[in-house]
């Protein structure tokens, strides 16, 4: 009977450690994904992409604040950009954006 209790206690401790680790690192994972996507966009357009800050975490909508996309003389300024990505695709090492919300865009095409 003692081994059942010990096994149960060990299992509960493992779950607590896993949950704590997930809470600590989830913001960093979400920010890493957004940074990687922004870098890919910069290479794809052969231009420059910059932003002020990234807010949010892996389980919510990561938010990019003051996004600037510059390609030649054309410029796109976005006050806030919210993205939602597919976690299953992420596990396959692919970044798939399911939903993108753009707030206060300013597009300048010359």
C-alpha atoms as a PDB file:
ATOM      1  CA  UNK A   1       0.000   0.000   0.000  1.00  0.00           C
ATOM      2  CA  UNK A   2       2.922   2.332   0.701  1.00  0.00           C
ATOM      3  CA  UNK A   3       4.237   2.063  -2.849  1.00  0.00           C
ATOM      4  CA  UNK A   4       0.863   3.230  -4.189  1.00  0.00           C
ATOM      5  CA  UNK A   5       1.025   6.371  -2.068  1.00  0.00           C
ATOM      6  CA  UNK A   6       4.657   6.998  -2.981  1.00  0.00           C
ATOM      7  CA  UNK A   7       3.868   6.582  -6.660  1.00  0.00           C
ATOM      8  CA  UNK A   8       0.909   8.937  -6.366  1.00  0.00           C
ATOM      9  CA  UNK A   9       2.989  11.554  -4.538  1.00  0.00           C
ATOM     10  CA  UNK A  10       5.783  11.320  -7.135  1.00  0.00           C
ATOM     11  CA  UNK A  11       3.246  11.670  -9.934  1.00  0.00           C
ATOM     12  CA  UNK A  12       1.732  14.783  -8.307  1.00  0.00           C
ATOM     13  CA  UNK A  13       5.191  16.312  -7.850  1.00  0.00           C
ATOM     14  CA  UNK A  14       6.034  15.676 -11.510  1.00  0.00           C
ATOM     15  CA  UNK A  15       2.800  17.324 -12.628  1.00  0.00           C
ATOM     16  CA  UNK A  16       3.489  20.341 -10.383  1.00  0.00           C
ATOM     17  CA  UNK A  17       7.036  20.717 -11.765  1.00  0.00           C
ATOM     18  CA  UNK A  18       5.798  20.402 -15.362  1.00  0.00           C
ATOM     19  CA  UNK A  19       3.052  22.983 -14.804  1.00  0.00           C
ATOM     20  CA  UNK A  20       5.447  25.428 -13.111  1.00  0.00           C
ATOM     21  CA  UNK A  21       7.973  25.078 -15.934  1.00  0.00           C
ATOM     22  CA  UNK A  22       5.255  25.658 -18.511  1.00  0.00           C
ATOM     23  CA  UNK A  23       4.089  28.825 -16.742  1.00  0.00           C
ATOM     24  CA  UNK A  24       7.639  30.168 -16.554  1.00  0.00           C
ATOM     25  CA  UNK A  25       8.609  29.518 -20.174  1.00  0.00           C
ATOM     26  CA  UNK A  26       5.356  30.027 -22.086  1.00  0.00           C
ATOM     27  CA  UNK A  27       5.910  33.768 -22.645  1.00  0.00           C
ATOM     28  CA  UNK A  28       9.427  33.164 -23.924  1.00  0.00           C
ATOM     29  CA  UNK A  29       8.225  30.478 -26.337  1.00  0.00           C
ATOM     30  CA  UNK A  30       5.487  32.738 -27.737  1.00  0.00           C
ATOM     31  CA  UNK A  31       7.894  35.627 -28.185  1.00  0.00           C
ATOM     32  CA  UNK A  32      10.450  33.382 -29.873  1.00  0.00           C
ATOM     33  CA  UNK A  33       7.832  32.199 -32.368  1.00  0.00           C
ATOM     34  CA  UNK A  34       6.781  35.741 -33.213  1.00  0.00           C
ATOM     35  CA  UNK A  35      10.407  36.874 -33.613  1.00  0.00           C
ATOM     36  CA  UNK A  36      11.128  33.953 -35.917  1.00  0.00           C
ATOM     37  CA  UNK A  37       8.050  34.694 -38.032  1.00  0.00           C
ATOM     38  CA  UNK A  38       9.007  38.384 -38.296  1.00  0.00           C
ATOM     39  CA  UNK A  39      12.543  37.443 -39.392  1.00  0.00           C
ATOM     40  CA  UNK A  40      11.093  35.127 -42.042  1.00  0.00           C
ATOM     41  CA  UNK A  41       8.837  37.919 -43.285  1.00  0.00           C
ATOM     42  CA  UNK A  42      11.819  40.253 -43.525  1.00  0.00           C
ATOM     43  CA  UNK A  43      13.701  37.766 -45.717  1.00  0.00           C
ATOM     44  CA  UNK A  44      10.611  37.024 -47.837  1.00  0.00           C
ATOM     45  CA  UNK A  45       9.967  40.650 -48.789  1.00  0.00           C
ATOM     46  CA  UNK A  46      13.657  41.486 -49.159  1.00  0.00           C
ATOM     47  CA  UNK A  47      13.144  44.467 -46.895  1.00  0.00           C
ATOM     48  CA  UNK A  48      13.208  45.491 -43.269  1.00  0.00           C
ATOM     49  CA  UNK A  49      10.754  44.541 -40.517  1.00  0.00           C
ATOM     50  CA  UNK A  50      10.987  46.097 -37.055  1.00  0.00           C
ATOM     51  CA  UNK A  51       8.787  46.306 -33.973  1.00  0.00           C
ATOM     52  CA  UNK A  52       8.762  47.976 -30.574  1.00  0.00           C
ATOM     53  CA  UNK A  53       7.666  45.084 -28.339  1.00  0.00           C
ATOM     54  CA  UNK A  54       6.084  41.649 -28.236  1.00  0.00           C
ATOM     55  CA  UNK A  55       3.441  40.969 -25.596  1.00  0.00           C
ATOM     56  CA  UNK A  56       1.510  37.839 -24.683  1.00  0.00           C
ATOM     57  CA  UNK A  57       2.420  34.175 -24.455  1.00  0.00           C
ATOM     58  CA  UNK A  58       2.093  30.847 -26.239  1.00  0.00           C
ATOM     59  CA  UNK A  59      -1.522  30.227 -25.150  1.00  0.00           C
ATOM     60  CA  UNK A  60      -2.914  33.654 -25.947  1.00  0.00           C
ATOM     61  CA  UNK A  61      -2.717  35.950 -28.942  1.00  0.00           C
ATOM     62  CA  UNK A  62       0.881  37.222 -29.077  1.00  0.00           C
ATOM     63  CA  UNK A  63       0.753  40.962 -29.770  1.00  0.00           C
ATOM     64  CA  UNK A  64       3.319  42.889 -31.809  1.00  0.00           C
ATOM     65  CA  UNK A  65       3.385  46.598 -30.955  1.00  0.00           C
ATOM     66  CA  UNK A  66       4.360  49.281 -33.511  1.00  0.00           C
ATOM     67  CA  UNK A  67       5.241  47.001 -36.409  1.00  0.00           C
ATOM     68  CA  UNK A  68       7.052  48.589 -39.379  1.00  0.00           C
ATOM     69  CA  UNK A  69       7.446  46.816 -42.712  1.00  0.00           C
ATOM     70  CA  UNK A  70       9.681  48.628 -45.219  1.00  0.00           C
ATOM     71  CA  UNK A  71      10.279  47.335 -48.733  1.00  0.00           C
ATOM     72  CA  UNK A  72      12.087  49.834 -50.912  1.00  0.00           C
ATOM     73  CA  UNK A  73      10.095  53.073 -50.636  1.00  0.00           C
ATOM     74  CA  UNK A  74       6.843  51.342 -49.652  1.00  0.00           C
ATOM     75  CA  UNK A  75       6.000  51.308 -45.939  1.00  0.00           C
ATOM     76  CA  UNK A  76       3.376  49.618 -43.779  1.00  0.00           C
ATOM     77  CA  UNK A  77       2.946  50.851 -40.200  1.00  0.00           C
ATOM     78  CA  UNK A  78       0.735  48.851 -37.835  1.00  0.00           C
ATOM     79  CA  UNK A  79      -0.067  50.047 -34.318  1.00  0.00           C
ATOM     80  CA  UNK A  80      -0.954  46.565 -32.984  1.00  0.00           C
ATOM     81  CA  UNK A  81      -0.891  43.150 -34.630  1.00  0.00           C
ATOM     82  CA  UNK A  82      -2.403  40.110 -32.902  1.00  0.00           C
ATOM     83  CA  UNK A  83      -1.604  36.617 -34.208  1.00  0.00           C
ATOM     84  CA  UNK A  84      -2.786  33.108 -33.372  1.00  0.00           C
ATOM     85  CA  UNK A  85      -0.754  30.157 -34.547  1.00  0.00           C
ATOM     86  CA  UNK A  86      -1.397  26.433 -34.952  1.00  0.00           C
ATOM     87  CA  UNK A  87       0.243  24.496 -32.105  1.00  0.00           C
ATOM     88  CA  UNK A  88       0.073  21.168 -33.972  1.00  0.00           C
ATOM     89  CA  UNK A  89       2.011  22.630 -36.877  1.00  0.00           C
ATOM     90  CA  UNK A  90       4.451  24.117 -34.388  1.00  0.00           C
ATOM     91  CA  UNK A  91       5.190  20.654 -33.026  1.00  0.00           C
ATOM     92  CA  UNK A  92       6.116  19.674 -36.599  1.00  0.00           C
ATOM     93  CA  UNK A  93       8.524  22.658 -36.634  1.00  0.00           C
ATOM     94  CA  UNK A  94       6.348  24.762 -38.950  1.00  0.00           C
ATOM     95  CA  UNK A  95       4.814  28.132 -38.190  1.00  0.00           C
ATOM     96  CA  UNK A  96       1.225  28.392 -39.423  1.00  0.00           C
ATOM     97  CA  UNK A  97      -0.767  31.511 -38.563  1.00  0.00           C
ATOM     98  CA  UNK A  98      -4.453  30.722 -38.044  1.00  0.00           C
ATOM     99  CA  UNK A  99      -5.685  34.233 -37.322  1.00  0.00           C
ATOM    100  CA  UNK A 100      -4.210  37.713 -37.738  1.00  0.00           C
ATOM    101  CA  UNK A 101      -5.820  40.892 -36.391  1.00  0.00           C
ATOM    102  CA  UNK A 102      -4.490  44.280 -37.511  1.00  0.00           C
ATOM    103  CA  UNK A 103      -5.241  47.496 -35.613  1.00  0.00           C
ATOM    104  CA  UNK A 104      -4.709  50.987 -37.093  1.00  0.00           C
ATOM    105  CA  UNK A 105      -2.715  50.178 -40.239  1.00  0.00           C
ATOM    106  CA  UNK A 106      -1.046  52.944 -42.255  1.00  0.00           C
ATOM    107  CA  UNK A 107       0.003  51.871 -45.776  1.00  0.00           C
ATOM    108  CA  UNK A 108       2.212  54.153 -47.884  1.00  0.00           C
ATOM    109  CA  UNK A 109       2.866  52.989 -51.436  1.00  0.00           C
ATOM    110  CA  UNK A 110       4.899  55.169 -53.779  1.00  0.00           C
END
